[in-house]
Amino acid sequence: MTPATVHSLGDRVSVFALAFFVLVVIVGGAFAAGYLIGRILL
């Protein structure tokens, strides 16, 4: 069994940045879709 490799700080920061970017895109898309649907219905 090989010990788990320790990730460098740069790798960890890049992973968190990517996850944050994906989350912002998903939340932003949901708000945009809700806004457009609201504009169409009202």
PDB file of N, CA and C in Angstrom:
ATOM      1  N   MET A   1       0.849  -1.190   0.000  1.00  0.00           N
ATOM      2  CA  MET A   1       0.000   0.000   0.000  1.00  0.00           C
ATOM      3  C   MET A   1       0.888   1.245   0.000  1.00  0.00           C
ATOM      4  N   THR A   2       0.654   2.108  -0.940  1.00  0.00           N
ATOM      5  CA  THR A   2       1.430   3.350  -0.985  1.00  0.00           C
ATOM      6  C   THR A   2       0.702   4.414  -0.182  1.00  0.00           C
ATOM      7  N   PRO A   3       1.455   5.242   0.528  1.00  0.00           N
ATOM      8  CA  PRO A   3       0.789   6.317   1.293  1.00  0.00           C
ATOM      9  C   PRO A   3       0.141   7.331   0.361  1.00  0.00           C
ATOM     10  N   ALA A   4      -0.891   7.974   0.847  1.00  0.00           N
ATOM     11  CA  ALA A   4      -1.604   8.961   0.042  1.00  0.00           C
ATOM     12  C   ALA A   4      -0.672  10.128  -0.262  1.00  0.00           C
ATOM     13  N   THR A   5      -0.720  10.586  -1.492  1.00  0.00           N
ATOM     14  CA  THR A   5       0.137  11.704  -1.875  1.00  0.00           C
ATOM     15  C   THR A   5      -0.433  12.996  -1.307  1.00  0.00           C
ATOM     16  N   VAL A   6       0.456  13.844  -0.844  1.00  0.00           N
ATOM     17  CA  VAL A   6       0.035  15.127  -0.288  1.00  0.00           C
ATOM     18  C   VAL A   6      -0.048  16.129  -1.419  1.00  0.00           C
ATOM     19  N   HIS A   7      -1.213  16.717  -1.591  1.00  0.00           N
ATOM     20  CA  HIS A   7      -1.387  17.687  -2.664  1.00  0.00           C
ATOM     21  C   HIS A   7      -0.746  19.003  -2.266  1.00  0.00           C
ATOM     22  N   SER A   8      -0.182  19.676  -3.250  1.00  0.00           N
ATOM     23  CA  SER A   8       0.418  20.974  -2.974  1.00  0.00           C
ATOM     24  C   SER A   8      -0.673  22.023  -2.803  1.00  0.00           C
ATOM     25  N   LEU A   9      -0.293  23.141  -2.237  1.00  0.00           N
ATOM     26  CA  LEU A   9      -1.267  24.211  -1.987  1.00  0.00           C
ATOM     27  C   LEU A   9      -1.827  24.746  -3.297  1.00  0.00           C
ATOM     28  N   GLY A  10      -1.003  24.828  -4.336  1.00  0.00           N
ATOM     29  CA  GLY A  10      -1.477  25.319  -5.625  1.00  0.00           C
ATOM     30  C   GLY A  10      -2.545  24.421  -6.217  1.00  0.00           C
ATOM     31  N   ASP A  11      -2.362  23.112  -6.115  1.00  0.00           N
ATOM     32  CA  ASP A  11      -3.378  22.174  -6.618  1.00  0.00           C
ATOM     33  C   ASP A  11      -4.687  22.352  -5.862  1.00  0.00           C
ATOM     34  N   ARG A  12      -4.576  22.498  -4.544  1.00  0.00           N
ATOM     35  CA  ARG A  12      -5.785  22.644  -3.737  1.00  0.00           C
ATOM     36  C   ARG A  12      -6.517  23.935  -4.086  1.00  0.00           C
ATOM     37  N   VAL A  13      -5.767  25.026  -4.251  1.00  0.00           N
ATOM     38  CA  VAL A  13      -6.382  26.311  -4.592  1.00  0.00           C
ATOM     39  C   VAL A  13      -7.042  26.232  -5.967  1.00  0.00           C
ATOM     40  N   SER A  14      -6.379  25.587  -6.923  1.00  0.00           N
ATOM     41  CA  SER A  14      -6.955  25.498  -8.269  1.00  0.00           C
ATOM     42  C   SER A  14      -8.229  24.654  -8.251  1.00  0.00           C
ATOM     43  N   VAL A  15      -8.265  23.614  -7.456  1.00  0.00           N
ATOM     44  CA  VAL A  15      -9.478  22.787  -7.364  1.00  0.00           C
ATOM     45  C   VAL A  15     -10.616  23.590  -6.746  1.00  0.00           C
ATOM     46  N   PHE A  16     -10.311  24.342  -5.672  1.00  0.00           N
ATOM     47  CA  PHE A  16     -11.363  25.166  -5.060  1.00  0.00           C
ATOM     48  C   PHE A  16     -11.821  26.253  -6.017  1.00  0.00           C
ATOM     49  N   ALA A  17     -10.896  26.837  -6.787  1.00  0.00           N
ATOM     50  CA  ALA A  17     -11.276  27.882  -7.747  1.00  0.00           C
ATOM     51  C   ALA A  17     -12.184  27.298  -8.826  1.00  0.00           C
ATOM     52  N   LEU A  18     -11.854  26.117  -9.314  1.00  0.00           N
ATOM     53  CA  LEU A  18     -12.685  25.481 -10.335  1.00  0.00           C
ATOM     54  C   LEU A  18     -14.078  25.159  -9.788  1.00  0.00           C
ATOM     55  N   ALA A  19     -14.126  24.619  -8.570  1.00  0.00           N
ATOM     56  CA  ALA A  19     -15.422  24.294  -7.965  1.00  0.00           C
ATOM     57  C   ALA A  19     -16.243  25.563  -7.748  1.00  0.00           C
ATOM     58  N   PHE A  20     -15.585  26.644  -7.304  1.00  0.00           N
ATOM     59  CA  PHE A  20     -16.292  27.910  -7.085  1.00  0.00           C
ATOM     60  C   PHE A  20     -16.823  28.457  -8.398  1.00  0.00           C
ATOM     61  N   PHE A  21     -16.010  28.363  -9.466  1.00  0.00           N
ATOM     62  CA  PHE A  21     -16.440  28.858 -10.775  1.00  0.00           C
ATOM     63  C   PHE A  21     -17.649  28.077 -11.285  1.00  0.00           C
ATOM     64  N   VAL A  22     -17.610  26.749 -11.145  1.00  0.00           N
ATOM     65  CA  VAL A  22     -18.738  25.921 -11.592  1.00  0.00           C
ATOM     66  C   VAL A  22     -19.992  26.260 -10.789  1.00  0.00           C
ATOM     67  N   LEU A  23     -19.834  26.466  -9.471  1.00  0.00           N
ATOM     68  CA  LEU A  23     -20.979  26.812  -8.635  1.00  0.00           C
ATOM     69  C   LEU A  23     -21.572  28.154  -9.046  1.00  0.00           C
ATOM     70  N   VAL A  24     -20.713  29.135  -9.328  1.00  0.00           N
ATOM     71  CA  VAL A  24     -21.197  30.459  -9.746  1.00  0.00           C
ATOM     72  C   VAL A  24     -21.940  30.357 -11.076  1.00  0.00           C
ATOM     73  N   VAL A  25     -21.424  29.551 -12.004  1.00  0.00           N
ATOM     74  CA  VAL A  25     -22.091  29.393 -13.301  1.00  0.00           C
ATOM     75  C   VAL A  25     -23.465  28.749 -13.116  1.00  0.00           C
ATOM     76  N   ILE A  26     -23.554  27.727 -12.276  1.00  0.00           N
ATOM     77  CA  ILE A  26     -24.833  27.047 -12.071  1.00  0.00           C
ATOM     78  C   ILE A  26     -25.840  27.979 -11.399  1.00  0.00           C
ATOM     79  N   VAL A  27     -25.414  28.671 -10.342  1.00  0.00           N
ATOM     80  CA  VAL A  27     -26.323  29.574  -9.628  1.00  0.00           C
ATOM     81  C   VAL A  27     -26.720  30.736 -10.529  1.00  0.00           C
ATOM     82  N   GLY A  28     -25.759  31.290 -11.263  1.00  0.00           N
ATOM     83  CA  GLY A  28     -26.073  32.385 -12.178  1.00  0.00           C
ATOM     84  C   GLY A  28     -27.036  31.954 -13.265  1.00  0.00           C
ATOM     85  N   GLY A  29     -26.836  30.766 -13.791  1.00  0.00           N
ATOM     86  CA  GLY A  29     -27.759  30.255 -14.808  1.00  0.00           C
ATOM     87  C   GLY A  29     -29.152  30.051 -14.257  1.00  0.00           C
ATOM     88  N   ALA A  30     -29.245  29.585 -13.015  1.00  0.00           N
ATOM     89  CA  ALA A  30     -30.564  29.396 -12.407  1.00  0.00           C
ATOM     90  C   ALA A  30     -31.264  30.737 -12.216  1.00  0.00           C
ATOM     91  N   PHE A  31     -30.524  31.745 -11.751  1.00  0.00           N
ATOM     92  CA  PHE A  31     -31.133  33.068 -11.580  1.00  0.00           C
ATOM     93  C   PHE A  31     -31.541  33.654 -12.933  1.00  0.00           C
ATOM     94  N   ALA A  32     -30.707  33.478 -13.947  1.00  0.00           N
ATOM     95  CA  ALA A  32     -31.036  34.004 -15.274  1.00  0.00           C
ATOM     96  C   ALA A  32     -32.276  33.306 -15.829  1.00  0.00           C
ATOM     97  N   ALA A  33     -32.360  31.990 -15.660  1.00  0.00           N
ATOM     98  CA  ALA A  33     -33.525  31.260 -16.149  1.00  0.00           C
ATOM     99  C   ALA A  33     -34.778  31.704 -15.404  1.00  0.00           C
ATOM    100  N   GLY A  34     -34.689  31.868 -14.096  1.00  0.00           N
ATOM    101  CA  GLY A  34     -35.839  32.331 -13.334  1.00  0.00           C
ATOM    102  C   GLY A  34     -36.265  33.727 -13.743  1.00  0.00           C
ATOM    103  N   TYR A  35     -35.278  34.594 -13.998  1.00  0.00           N
ATOM    104  CA  TYR A  35     -35.604  35.959 -14.428  1.00  0.00           C
ATOM    105  C   TYR A  35     -36.317  35.951 -15.775  1.00  0.00           C
ATOM    106  N   LEU A  36     -35.788  35.166 -16.722  1.00  0.00           N
ATOM    107  CA  LEU A  36     -36.406  35.117 -18.050  1.00  0.00           C
ATOM    108  C   LEU A  36     -37.806  34.513 -17.990  1.00  0.00           C
ATOM    109  N   ILE A  37     -37.977  33.467 -17.215  1.00  0.00           N
ATOM    110  CA  ILE A  37     -39.302  32.855 -17.107  1.00  0.00           C
ATOM    111  C   ILE A  37     -40.272  33.844 -16.450  1.00  0.00           C
ATOM    112  N   GLY A  38     -39.806  34.569 -15.435  1.00  0.00           N
ATOM    113  CA  GLY A  38     -40.651  35.571 -14.815  1.00  0.00           C
ATOM    114  C   GLY A  38     -41.043  36.679 -15.773  1.00  0.00           C
ATOM    115  N   ARG A  39     -40.102  37.111 -16.616  1.00  0.00           N
ATOM    116  CA  ARG A  39     -40.410  38.155 -17.589  1.00  0.00           C
ATOM    117  C   ARG A  39     -41.430  37.653 -18.619  1.00  0.00           C
ATOM    118  N   ILE A  40     -41.326  36.385 -18.986  1.00  0.00           N
ATOM    119  CA  ILE A  40     -42.254  35.841 -19.983  1.00  0.00           C
ATOM    120  C   ILE A  40     -43.660  35.715 -19.378  1.00  0.00           C
ATOM    121  N   LEU A  41     -43.745  35.257 -18.136  1.00  0.00           N
ATOM    122  CA  LEU A  41     -45.053  34.994 -17.528  1.00  0.00           C
ATOM    123  C   LEU A  41     -45.750  36.268 -17.085  1.00  0.00           C
ATOM    124  N   LEU A  42     -44.991  37.280 -16.679  1.00  0.00           N
ATOM    125  CA  LEU A  42     -45.637  38.480 -16.140  1.00  0.00           C
ATOM    126  C   LEU A  42     -45.839  39.543 -17.203  1.00  0.00           C
TER     127      LEU A  42
END
